[in-house]
Each structure stands twice: as C-alpha cells, then as structure tokens.
Amino acid sequence: MGGVIELFLIMLVIATAAFVPLGYFIYKYTQKNGQPFGETEPHGDSPSFVNDLAETAIHFIKTKLAKK
C-alpha cells in the first residue's frame, strides 16, 4: 500500500509541474483584460531592416515582371 501512495505523490508532483505554466498564463491573461504580456505593438508597426529589405525585393521583382 505504501508503494501506491508514493506513486500517487510522484504523479501529483509531475502533474503539478506540467500544468503550472498553463495556470500562470491563464492568471496573467485574466489579470490585464486579455493582455497577458501588457501593452505590445501590433505586428508590422515598428520599423525593421528585414521588412524594408523584403519590401524592396518585392518591389524590384514586380517592376521586372511588369517590364516584360
């Protein structure tokens, strides 16, 4: 009977460790009106070298295709 209790306690510790991150996320999500990480910028509003490079490449390809 002692082995069953030990196994139950070990499984309880493992389950607690597995679900603590989910509980923390739910707690933070409900704390700030659906914004778990505070005020964040929407995607695409901040300038980025990679975004500028991609836009330049797309514009270059469009102009090459339009000339044909």
Protein backbone atom coordinates (compact mmCIF):
# COMPACT_ATOMS: atom_id res chain seq x y z
CA MET A 1 0.00 0.00 0.00
CA GLY A 2 2.92 2.34 0.67
CA GLY A 3 4.10 1.97 -2.93
CA VAL A 4 0.74 3.15 -4.25
CA ILE A 5 0.84 6.26 -2.07
CA GLU A 6 4.41 7.04 -3.16
CA LEU A 7 3.44 6.59 -6.81
CA PHE A 8 0.40 8.84 -6.32
CA LEU A 9 2.52 11.58 -4.77
CA ILE A 10 5.14 11.37 -7.53
CA MET A 11 2.43 11.57 -10.19
CA LEU A 12 0.89 14.54 -8.39
CA VAL A 13 4.23 16.38 -8.39
CA ILE A 14 4.74 15.65 -12.12
CA ALA A 15 1.21 16.80 -12.98
CA THR A 16 1.68 19.98 -10.96
CA ALA A 17 4.94 20.75 -12.74
CA ALA A 18 3.29 20.13 -16.11
CA PHE A 19 0.30 22.40 -15.56
CA VAL A 20 1.87 25.29 -13.62
CA PRO A 21 2.84 27.20 -16.81
CA LEU A 22 -0.72 26.93 -18.12
CA GLY A 23 -2.15 28.17 -14.85
CA TYR A 24 0.29 31.07 -14.77
CA PHE A 25 -0.62 32.07 -18.33
CA ILE A 26 -4.34 31.95 -17.54
CA TYR A 27 -3.73 34.04 -14.41
CA LYS A 28 -1.78 36.68 -16.34
CA TYR A 29 -4.31 36.64 -19.19
CA THR A 30 -7.23 37.38 -16.91
CA GLN A 31 -5.30 39.94 -14.89
CA LYS A 32 -4.92 42.64 -17.59
CA ASN A 33 -8.14 42.41 -19.62
CA GLY A 34 -6.92 39.82 -22.07
CA GLN A 35 -3.38 41.16 -22.47
CA PRO A 36 -1.09 38.68 -20.71
CA PHE A 37 2.11 40.49 -21.66
CA GLY A 38 0.96 44.07 -21.20
CA GLU A 39 0.84 46.63 -23.96
CA THR A 40 2.53 45.22 -27.05
CA GLU A 41 2.78 46.70 -30.52
CA PRO A 42 0.71 45.14 -33.27
CA HIS A 43 2.77 43.25 -35.80
CA GLY A 44 4.15 45.45 -38.56
CA ASP A 45 4.05 48.83 -36.84
CA SER A 46 7.69 49.00 -35.85
CA PRO A 47 10.36 49.63 -38.49
CA SER A 48 12.53 46.68 -39.33
CA PHE A 49 15.52 46.19 -41.61
CA VAL A 50 14.22 42.78 -42.68
CA ASN A 51 10.78 44.18 -43.56
CA ASP A 52 12.35 47.02 -45.54
CA LEU A 53 14.60 44.58 -47.38
CA ALA A 54 11.65 42.31 -48.20
CA GLU A 55 9.57 45.25 -49.47
CA THR A 56 12.46 46.39 -51.65
CA ALA A 57 12.88 42.89 -53.09
CA ILE A 58 9.15 42.56 -53.80
CA HIS A 59 9.07 45.97 -55.47
CA PHE A 60 12.14 45.02 -57.59
CA ILE A 61 10.53 41.77 -58.72
CA LYS A 62 7.24 43.49 -59.53
CA THR A 63 9.00 46.08 -61.70
CA LYS A 64 10.96 43.37 -63.54
CA LEU A 65 7.79 41.39 -64.22
CA ALA A 66 5.87 44.49 -65.31
CA LYS A 67 8.52 45.36 -67.95
CA LYS A 68 8.07 42.03 -69.74
